[in-house]
PDB file of N, CA and C in Angstrom:
ATOM      1  N   MET A   1     129.091 -53.169 -92.447  1.00  0.00           N
ATOM      2  CA  MET A   1     128.831 -53.136 -91.267  1.00  0.00           C
ATOM      3  C   MET A   1     128.996 -54.403 -91.143  1.00  0.00           C
ATOM      4  N   SER A   2     130.249 -54.957 -90.185  1.00  0.00           N
ATOM      5  CA  SER A   2     130.334 -56.410 -90.355  1.00  0.00           C
ATOM      6  C   SER A   2     129.229 -56.361 -88.962  1.00  0.00           C
ATOM      7  N   ALA A   3     128.547 -58.105 -88.625  1.00  0.00           N
ATOM      8  CA  ALA A   3     127.857 -58.288 -88.041  1.00  0.00           C
ATOM      9  C   ALA A   3     128.171 -58.215 -86.612  1.00  0.00           C
ATOM     10  N   ALA A   4     129.091 -58.486 -86.040  1.00  0.00           N
ATOM     11  CA  ALA A   4     129.650 -58.236 -84.779  1.00  0.00           C
ATOM     12  C   ALA A   4     129.772 -57.054 -84.587  1.00  0.00           C
ATOM     13  N   LYS A   5     129.779 -55.563 -85.065  1.00  0.00           N
ATOM     14  CA  LYS A   5     129.676 -54.043 -84.840  1.00  0.00           C
ATOM     15  C   LYS A   5     127.991 -53.860 -84.883  1.00  0.00           C
ATOM     16  N   LEU A   6     127.086 -54.709 -84.866  1.00  0.00           N
ATOM     17  CA  LEU A   6     126.301 -53.972 -85.116  1.00  0.00           C
ATOM     18  C   LEU A   6     125.215 -54.603 -83.508  1.00  0.00           C
ATOM     19  N   SER A   7     124.534 -53.059 -83.367  1.00  0.00           N
ATOM     20  CA  SER A   7     124.126 -52.957 -82.040  1.00  0.00           C
ATOM     21  C   SER A   7     122.140 -54.061 -82.010  1.00  0.00           C
ATOM     22  N   ALA A   8     121.996 -54.438 -80.183  1.00  0.00           N
ATOM     23  CA  ALA A   8     121.031 -54.676 -80.562  1.00  0.00           C
ATOM     24  C   ALA A   8     119.513 -54.066 -81.100  1.00  0.00           C
ATOM     25  N   GLU A   9     119.368 -53.027 -80.947  1.00  0.00           N
ATOM     26  CA  GLU A   9     118.609 -52.466 -81.916  1.00  0.00           C
ATOM     27  C   GLU A   9     118.344 -52.432 -83.672  1.00  0.00           C
ATOM     28  N   GLU A  10     119.874 -52.463 -83.498  1.00  0.00           N
ATOM     29  CA  GLU A  10     120.243 -52.476 -85.605  1.00  0.00           C
ATOM     30  C   GLU A  10     119.678 -53.924 -85.860  1.00  0.00           C
ATOM     31  N   ILE A  11     120.603 -54.743 -85.019  1.00  0.00           N
ATOM     32  CA  ILE A  11     119.805 -56.674 -85.265  1.00  0.00           C
ATOM     33  C   ILE A  11     118.001 -56.232 -85.111  1.00  0.00           C
ATOM     34  N   ALA A  12     117.351 -56.175 -84.077  1.00  0.00           N
ATOM     35  CA  ALA A  12     116.406 -56.066 -84.131  1.00  0.00           C
ATOM     36  C   ALA A  12     115.301 -55.181 -85.266  1.00  0.00           C
ATOM     37  N   GLY A  13     115.935 -54.040 -85.797  1.00  0.00           N
ATOM     38  CA  GLY A  13     115.548 -53.851 -87.037  1.00  0.00           C
ATOM     39  C   GLY A  13     115.543 -54.847 -88.493  1.00  0.00           C
ATOM     40  N   GLN A  14     116.165 -55.341 -88.489  1.00  0.00           N
ATOM     41  CA  GLN A  14     116.902 -56.501 -89.414  1.00  0.00           C
ATOM     42  C   GLN A  14     115.880 -57.529 -89.092  1.00  0.00           C
ATOM     43  N   LEU A  15     115.175 -57.890 -88.143  1.00  0.00           N
ATOM     44  CA  LEU A  15     114.431 -58.966 -87.744  1.00  0.00           C
ATOM     45  C   LEU A  15     113.452 -58.619 -87.573  1.00  0.00           C
ATOM     46  N   CYS A  16     112.534 -57.319 -87.208  1.00  0.00           N
ATOM     47  CA  CYS A  16     111.143 -57.355 -87.470  1.00  0.00           C
ATOM     48  C   CYS A  16     110.893 -56.528 -88.848  1.00  0.00           C
ATOM     49  N   GLY A  17     112.121 -56.249 -89.653  1.00  0.00           N
ATOM     50  CA  GLY A  17     111.883 -56.632 -91.507  1.00  0.00           C
ATOM     51  C   GLY A  17     111.675 -57.573 -91.756  1.00  0.00           C
ATOM     52  N   PHE A  18     111.878 -58.642 -91.454  1.00  0.00           N
ATOM     53  CA  PHE A  18     112.570 -59.969 -92.223  1.00  0.00           C
ATOM     54  C   PHE A  18     110.290 -60.579 -91.601  1.00  0.00           C
ATOM     55  N   LEU A  19     110.231 -60.640 -90.677  1.00  0.00           N
ATOM     56  CA  LEU A  19     109.075 -60.607 -89.689  1.00  0.00           C
ATOM     57  C   LEU A  19     107.603 -60.036 -90.870  1.00  0.00           C
ATOM     58  N   ARG A  20     107.972 -58.591 -90.903  1.00  0.00           N
ATOM     59  CA  ARG A  20     107.266 -58.229 -92.158  1.00  0.00           C
ATOM     60  C   ARG A  20     106.913 -58.497 -93.083  1.00  0.00           C
ATOM     61  N   GLU A  21     108.207 -58.841 -93.622  1.00  0.00           N
ATOM     62  CA  GLU A  21     108.286 -59.398 -95.729  1.00  0.00           C
ATOM     63  C   GLU A  21     107.837 -60.725 -95.444  1.00  0.00           C
ATOM     64  N   ASN A  22     108.246 -61.562 -94.925  1.00  0.00           N
ATOM     65  CA  ASN A  22     108.328 -63.140 -94.579  1.00  0.00           C
ATOM     66  C   ASN A  22     107.326 -64.393 -94.124  1.00  0.00           C
ATOM     67  N   VAL A  23     107.384 -63.243 -93.111  1.00  0.00           N
ATOM     68  CA  VAL A  23     105.942 -64.135 -91.806  1.00  0.00           C
ATOM     69  C   VAL A  23     104.579 -63.909 -91.508  1.00  0.00           C
ATOM     70  N   LEU A  24     104.615 -62.485 -91.704  1.00  0.00           N
ATOM     71  CA  LEU A  24     103.527 -61.587 -90.861  1.00  0.00           C
ATOM     72  C   LEU A  24     102.443 -61.744 -91.846  1.00  0.00           C
ATOM     73  N   ALA A  25     101.151 -61.569 -91.416  1.00  0.00           N
ATOM     74  CA  ALA A  25     100.138 -61.063 -92.578  1.00  0.00           C
ATOM     75  C   ALA A  25     100.583 -58.823 -92.662  1.00  0.00           C
ATOM     76  N   PRO A  26     100.299 -58.825 -93.551  1.00  0.00           N
ATOM     77  CA  PRO A  26      99.979 -57.423 -94.082  1.00  0.00           C
ATOM     78  C   PRO A  26      99.755 -56.717 -92.792  1.00  0.00           C
ATOM     79  N   ASN A  27      98.529 -56.551 -92.105  1.00  0.00           N
ATOM     80  CA  ASN A  27      98.275 -55.708 -91.267  1.00  0.00           C
ATOM     81  C   ASN A  27      98.774 -55.993 -89.592  1.00  0.00           C
ATOM     82  N   ILE A  28      99.582 -56.889 -90.165  1.00  0.00           N
ATOM     83  CA  ILE A  28     100.246 -57.102 -88.361  1.00  0.00           C
ATOM     84  C   ILE A  28     101.144 -55.944 -88.351  1.00  0.00           C
ATOM     85  N   GLU A  29     101.226 -55.633 -87.057  1.00  0.00           N
ATOM     86  CA  GLU A  29     102.792 -54.322 -86.528  1.00  0.00           C
ATOM     87  C   GLU A  29     103.541 -55.583 -85.270  1.00  0.00           C
ATOM     88  N   VAL A  30     104.816 -54.829 -85.836  1.00  0.00           N
ATOM     89  CA  VAL A  30     105.436 -55.663 -84.549  1.00  0.00           C
ATOM     90  C   VAL A  30     106.824 -54.751 -84.324  1.00  0.00           C
ATOM     91  N   THR A  31     107.331 -54.679 -83.435  1.00  0.00           N
ATOM     92  CA  THR A  31     108.384 -54.085 -82.967  1.00  0.00           C
ATOM     93  C   THR A  31     108.653 -54.944 -82.489  1.00  0.00           C
ATOM     94  N   ALA A  32     110.190 -54.196 -81.691  1.00  0.00           N
ATOM     95  CA  ALA A  32     111.144 -54.633 -80.920  1.00  0.00           C
ATOM     96  C   ALA A  32     110.678 -54.978 -79.530  1.00  0.00           C
ATOM     97  N   ASP A  33     109.312 -54.784 -79.022  1.00  0.00           N
ATOM     98  CA  ASP A  33     109.078 -55.282 -78.231  1.00  0.00           C
ATOM     99  C   ASP A  33     107.618 -55.875 -78.005  1.00  0.00           C
ATOM    100  N   THR A  34     107.134 -56.435 -79.187  1.00  0.00           N
ATOM    101  CA  THR A  34     106.152 -57.443 -79.497  1.00  0.00           C
ATOM    102  C   THR A  34     106.438 -58.822 -78.860  1.00  0.00           C
ATOM    103  N   ALA A  35     105.579 -59.087 -77.926  1.00  0.00           N
ATOM    104  CA  ALA A  35     106.174 -60.393 -78.108  1.00  0.00           C
ATOM    105  C   ALA A  35     105.819 -61.502 -79.065  1.00  0.00           C
ATOM    106  N   LEU A  36     106.508 -62.248 -79.895  1.00  0.00           N
ATOM    107  CA  LEU A  36     106.416 -63.110 -80.788  1.00  0.00           C
ATOM    108  C   LEU A  36     105.470 -63.933 -80.890  1.00  0.00           C
ATOM    109  N   THR A  37     104.968 -64.743 -80.019  1.00  0.00           N
ATOM    110  CA  THR A  37     103.415 -65.345 -79.526  1.00  0.00           C
ATOM    111  C   THR A  37     102.016 -64.593 -80.164  1.00  0.00           C
ATOM    112  N   ASP A  38     102.415 -63.055 -79.471  1.00  0.00           N
ATOM    113  CA  ASP A  38     101.321 -62.260 -79.982  1.00  0.00           C
ATOM    114  C   ASP A  38     101.146 -62.014 -81.424  1.00  0.00           C
ATOM    115  N   ILE A  39     102.361 -62.417 -82.010  1.00  0.00           N
ATOM    116  CA  ILE A  39     101.847 -61.673 -83.702  1.00  0.00           C
ATOM    117  C   ILE A  39     101.609 -63.263 -84.210  1.00  0.00           C
ATOM    118  N   GLY A  40     101.450 -64.911 -83.757  1.00  0.00           N
ATOM    119  CA  GLY A  40     101.310 -65.908 -84.446  1.00  0.00           C
ATOM    120  C   GLY A  40     102.389 -66.548 -84.767  1.00  0.00           C
ATOM    121  N   VAL A  41     104.107 -66.437 -84.227  1.00  0.00           N
ATOM    122  CA  VAL A  41     105.037 -67.031 -84.693  1.00  0.00           C
ATOM    123  C   VAL A  41     105.412 -68.105 -84.258  1.00  0.00           C
ATOM    124  N   ASP A  42     104.879 -69.024 -85.019  1.00  0.00           N
ATOM    125  CA  ASP A  42     104.987 -70.666 -84.360  1.00  0.00           C
ATOM    126  C   ASP A  42     106.374 -71.331 -84.663  1.00  0.00           C
ATOM    127  N   SER A  43     106.253 -72.235 -84.204  1.00  0.00           N
ATOM    128  CA  SER A  43     107.730 -73.168 -84.314  1.00  0.00           C
ATOM    129  C   SER A  43     108.203 -73.438 -86.001  1.00  0.00           C
ATOM    130  N   PHE A  44     107.134 -73.180 -87.275  1.00  0.00           N
ATOM    131  CA  PHE A  44     107.448 -73.081 -88.332  1.00  0.00           C
ATOM    132  C   PHE A  44     108.437 -71.807 -88.736  1.00  0.00           C
ATOM    133  N   SER A  45     107.356 -70.576 -88.140  1.00  0.00           N
ATOM    134  CA  SER A  45     107.754 -69.188 -88.145  1.00  0.00           C
ATOM    135  C   SER A  45     109.640 -68.829 -87.982  1.00  0.00           C
ATOM    136  N   LEU A  46     109.230 -69.704 -86.818  1.00  0.00           N
ATOM    137  CA  LEU A  46     110.350 -69.222 -86.196  1.00  0.00           C
ATOM    138  C   LEU A  46     111.459 -70.028 -86.453  1.00  0.00           C
ATOM    139  N   MET A  47     112.021 -70.873 -86.967  1.00  0.00           N
ATOM    140  CA  MET A  47     112.814 -71.593 -88.102  1.00  0.00           C
ATOM    141  C   MET A  47     113.367 -70.736 -89.199  1.00  0.00           C
ATOM    142  N   GLU A  48     112.190 -70.279 -89.961  1.00  0.00           N
ATOM    143  CA  GLU A  48     112.419 -69.564 -90.604  1.00  0.00           C
ATOM    144  C   GLU A  48     113.157 -68.193 -90.275  1.00  0.00           C
ATOM    145  N   LEU A  49     112.829 -67.878 -88.939  1.00  0.00           N
ATOM    146  CA  LEU A  49     113.656 -66.653 -88.390  1.00  0.00           C
ATOM    147  C   LEU A  49     115.187 -67.115 -88.388  1.00  0.00           C
ATOM    148  N   VAL A  50     115.242 -68.246 -87.637  1.00  0.00           N
ATOM    149  CA  VAL A  50     116.619 -69.012 -87.028  1.00  0.00           C
ATOM    150  C   VAL A  50     117.508 -68.849 -88.246  1.00  0.00           C
ATOM    151  N   LEU A  51     116.791 -69.349 -89.242  1.00  0.00           N
ATOM    152  CA  LEU A  51     117.445 -69.422 -90.458  1.00  0.00           C
ATOM    153  C   LEU A  51     118.142 -68.566 -90.967  1.00  0.00           C
ATOM    154  N   PHE A  52     117.171 -66.558 -90.910  1.00  0.00           N
ATOM    155  CA  PHE A  52     117.902 -65.521 -91.799  1.00  0.00           C
ATOM    156  C   PHE A  52     118.067 -65.210 -90.315  1.00  0.00           C
ATOM    157  N   ILE A  53     118.602 -65.248 -89.493  1.00  0.00           N
ATOM    158  CA  ILE A  53     119.728 -64.638 -88.232  1.00  0.00           C
ATOM    159  C   ILE A  53     121.382 -65.410 -89.195  1.00  0.00           C
ATOM    160  N   GLU A  54     120.974 -66.759 -89.120  1.00  0.00           N
ATOM    161  CA  GLU A  54     122.011 -67.488 -89.006  1.00  0.00           C
ATOM    162  C   GLU A  54     122.910 -67.567 -90.877  1.00  0.00           C
ATOM    163  N   ARG A  55     122.096 -67.042 -91.506  1.00  0.00           N
ATOM    164  CA  ARG A  55     122.296 -66.354 -93.053  1.00  0.00           C
ATOM    165  C   ARG A  55     122.509 -65.285 -92.607  1.00  0.00           C
ATOM    166  N   GLN A  56     121.974 -64.227 -91.892  1.00  0.00           N
ATOM    167  CA  GLN A  56     122.738 -62.623 -91.650  1.00  0.00           C
ATOM    168  C   GLN A  56     123.599 -62.210 -91.390  1.00  0.00           C
ATOM    169  N   PHE A  57     123.708 -63.129 -89.840  1.00  0.00           N
ATOM    170  CA  PHE A  57     124.489 -62.528 -89.045  1.00  0.00           C
ATOM    171  C   PHE A  57     125.923 -63.585 -88.941  1.00  0.00           C
ATOM    172  N   GLY A  58     125.347 -64.667 -89.747  1.00  0.00           N
ATOM    173  CA  GLY A  58     126.621 -66.010 -89.569  1.00  0.00           C
ATOM    174  C   GLY A  58     127.044 -66.776 -88.041  1.00  0.00           C
ATOM    175  N   LEU A  59     125.158 -66.357 -87.474  1.00  0.00           N
ATOM    176  CA  LEU A  59     125.628 -67.365 -86.117  1.00  0.00           C
ATOM    177  C   LEU A  59     124.786 -68.148 -86.135  1.00  0.00           C
ATOM    178  N   GLU A  60     125.465 -69.508 -85.469  1.00  0.00           N
ATOM    179  CA  GLU A  60     124.946 -71.279 -85.455  1.00  0.00           C
ATOM    180  C   GLU A  60     124.259 -70.707 -84.279  1.00  0.00           C
ATOM    181  N   LEU A  61     122.773 -70.393 -83.948  1.00  0.00           N
ATOM    182  CA  LEU A  61     121.570 -71.228 -83.234  1.00  0.00           C
ATOM    183  C   LEU A  61     121.662 -72.344 -82.624  1.00  0.00           C
ATOM    184  N   PRO A  62     121.724 -72.854 -81.371  1.00  0.00           N
ATOM    185  CA  PRO A  62     121.931 -73.964 -81.162  1.00  0.00           C
ATOM    186  C   PRO A  62     120.242 -74.521 -80.974  1.00  0.00           C
ATOM    187  N   ALA A  63     120.209 -75.911 -80.657  1.00  0.00           N
ATOM    188  CA  ALA A  63     118.353 -75.747 -80.342  1.00  0.00           C
ATOM    189  C   ALA A  63     118.221 -75.352 -78.839  1.00  0.00           C
ATOM    190  N   GLU A  64     118.994 -75.647 -77.188  1.00  0.00           N
ATOM    191  CA  GLU A  64     119.262 -75.294 -76.594  1.00  0.00           C
ATOM    192  C   GLU A  64     119.092 -73.634 -76.514  1.00  0.00           C
ATOM    193  N   SER A  65     119.407 -72.752 -77.036  1.00  0.00           N
ATOM    194  CA  SER A  65     119.656 -71.145 -77.651  1.00  0.00           C
ATOM    195  C   SER A  65     117.525 -71.082 -77.469  1.00  0.00           C
ATOM    196  N   LEU A  66     117.383 -71.713 -77.884  1.00  0.00           N
ATOM    197  CA  LEU A  66     115.882 -71.244 -77.845  1.00  0.00           C
ATOM    198  C   LEU A  66     115.270 -71.319 -77.181  1.00  0.00           C
ATOM    199  N   SER A  67     115.234 -71.177 -76.125  1.00  0.00           N
ATOM    200  CA  SER A  67     114.765 -71.091 -74.638  1.00  0.00           C
ATOM    201  C   SER A  67     113.780 -69.966 -74.510  1.00  0.00           C
ATOM    202  N   PRO A  68     112.398 -70.128 -74.164  1.00  0.00           N
ATOM    203  CA  PRO A  68     111.188 -68.773 -73.861  1.00  0.00           C
ATOM    204  C   PRO A  68     111.724 -67.603 -73.461  1.00  0.00           C
ATOM    205  N   GLU A  69     113.066 -67.304 -72.265  1.00  0.00           N
ATOM    206  CA  GLU A  69     113.432 -66.421 -72.548  1.00  0.00           C
ATOM    207  C   GLU A  69     114.280 -65.040 -73.331  1.00  0.00           C
ATOM    208  N   ASN A  70     114.892 -66.208 -73.992  1.00  0.00           N
ATOM    209  CA  ASN A  70     115.793 -65.310 -75.785  1.00  0.00           C
ATOM    210  C   ASN A  70     114.900 -65.721 -77.036  1.00  0.00           C
ATOM    211  N   ILE A  71     113.382 -65.896 -76.721  1.00  0.00           N
ATOM    212  CA  ILE A  71     112.895 -65.921 -78.038  1.00  0.00           C
ATOM    213  C   ILE A  71     111.624 -65.509 -77.490  1.00  0.00           C
ATOM    214  N   ALA A  72     111.209 -64.350 -76.237  1.00  0.00           N
ATOM    215  CA  ALA A  72     109.845 -63.652 -75.779  1.00  0.00           C
ATOM    216  C   ALA A  72     109.469 -63.408 -77.064  1.00  0.00           C
ATOM    217  N   SER A  73     110.167 -61.876 -77.381  1.00  0.00           N
ATOM    218  CA  SER A  73     110.543 -60.911 -78.184  1.00  0.00           C
ATOM    219  C   SER A  73     111.417 -60.511 -79.259  1.00  0.00           C
ATOM    220  N   VAL A  74     111.318 -59.668 -80.100  1.00  0.00           N
ATOM    221  CA  VAL A  74     112.329 -59.283 -80.951  1.00  0.00           C
ATOM    222  C   VAL A  74     113.543 -58.684 -80.481  1.00  0.00           C
ATOM    223  N   ALA A  75     113.223 -58.062 -79.286  1.00  0.00           N
ATOM    224  CA  ALA A  75     114.471 -57.408 -78.437  1.00  0.00           C
ATOM    225  C   ALA A  75     115.266 -58.939 -77.912  1.00  0.00           C
ATOM    226  N   THR A  76     114.290 -59.543 -77.023  1.00  0.00           N
ATOM    227  CA  THR A  76     115.102 -60.800 -76.485  1.00  0.00           C
ATOM    228  C   THR A  76     116.136 -61.254 -77.524  1.00  0.00           C
ATOM    229  N   LEU A  77     115.482 -61.685 -78.802  1.00  0.00           N
ATOM    230  CA  LEU A  77     116.404 -62.287 -79.141  1.00  0.00           C
ATOM    231  C   LEU A  77     117.250 -61.620 -80.141  1.00  0.00           C
ATOM    232  N   SER A  78     117.315 -60.314 -80.675  1.00  0.00           N
ATOM    233  CA  SER A  78     118.547 -59.846 -80.675  1.00  0.00           C
ATOM    234  C   SER A  78     119.714 -59.361 -79.808  1.00  0.00           C
ATOM    235  N   ALA A  79     118.827 -58.732 -78.321  1.00  0.00           N
ATOM    236  CA  ALA A  79     119.772 -59.210 -77.749  1.00  0.00           C
ATOM    237  C   ALA A  79     120.531 -60.595 -77.199  1.00  0.00           C
ATOM    238  N   TYR A  80     119.957 -61.454 -77.522  1.00  0.00           N
ATOM    239  CA  TYR A  80     120.754 -62.697 -77.248  1.00  0.00           C
ATOM    240  C   TYR A  80     121.851 -62.979 -78.610  1.00  0.00           C
ATOM    241  N   CYS A  81     121.544 -62.336 -79.733  1.00  0.00           N
ATOM    242  CA  CYS A  81     122.172 -62.681 -81.060  1.00  0.00           C
ATOM    243  C   CYS A  81     123.567 -61.722 -80.800  1.00  0.00           C
ATOM    244  N   VAL A  82     123.389 -60.418 -80.331  1.00  0.00           N
ATOM    245  CA  VAL A  82     124.719 -59.368 -79.833  1.00  0.00           C
ATOM    246  C   VAL A  82     125.658 -60.236 -78.399  1.00  0.00           C
ATOM    247  N   LYS A  83     124.845 -60.831 -77.694  1.00  0.00           N
ATOM    248  CA  LYS A  83     125.837 -61.648 -76.715  1.00  0.00           C
ATOM    249  C   LYS A  83     126.486 -62.689 -77.949  1.00  0.00           C
ATOM    250  N   SER A  84     125.753 -63.170 -78.353  1.00  0.00           N
ATOM    251  CA  SER A  84     126.499 -64.493 -79.075  1.00  0.00           C
ATOM    252  C   SER A  84     127.897 -64.107 -79.744  1.00  0.00           C
ATOM    253  N   LEU A  85     127.799 -62.813 -80.526  1.00  0.00           N
ATOM    254  CA  LEU A  85     128.133 -62.014 -81.503  1.00  0.00           C
ATOM    255  C   LEU A  85     129.386 -61.779 -81.059  1.00  0.00           C
ATOM    256  N   ASN A  86     129.104 -61.069 -80.065  1.00  0.00           N
ATOM    257  CA  ASN A  86     130.376 -60.763 -78.776  1.00  0.00           C
ATOM    258  C   ASN A  86     130.890 -61.960 -78.699  1.00  0.00           C
ATOM    259  N   SER A  87     130.743 -62.915 -78.304  1.00  0.00           N
ATOM    260  CA  SER A  87     131.350 -63.884 -77.633  1.00  0.00           C
ATOM    261  C   SER A  87     132.572 -64.907 -78.798  1.00  0.00           C
ATOM    262  N   THR A  88     131.869 -64.765 -79.800  1.00  0.00           N
ATOM    263  CA  THR A  88     132.630 -65.492 -81.062  1.00  0.00           C
ATOM    264  C   THR A  88     133.614 -64.553 -81.781  1.00  0.00           C
ATOM    265  N   THR A  89     134.111 -62.853 -81.156  1.00  0.00           N
ATOM    266  CA  THR A  89     134.117 -62.289 -81.983  1.00  0.00           C
ATOM    267  C   THR A  89     136.109 -62.439 -80.913  1.00  0.00           C
ATOM    268  N   VAL A  90     136.869 -62.005 -81.811  1.00  0.00           N
ATOM    269  CA  VAL A  90     138.442 -62.372 -81.186  1.00  0.00           C
ATOM    270  C   VAL A  90     139.511 -61.347 -80.918  1.00  0.00           C
TER     271      VAL A  90
END
């Protein structure tokens, strides 16, 4: 399935999986509604997540897109990804 056809829920699932496998301690739970700050995502972890998004979904996330409202949780970040993917499709 192309990235442009993914739903926010599908993207959130992939982001949660990436966080579980690459960023978080094994005992940390993450869902789409979990605040990223509540699970210890710092600026370094956020950059890892941004690089994953750029590679996985072919998006370029400029620094100004990393506003608090876009990166509050996995759900807000995945919603931003869907919005960006939809604006780049022709």
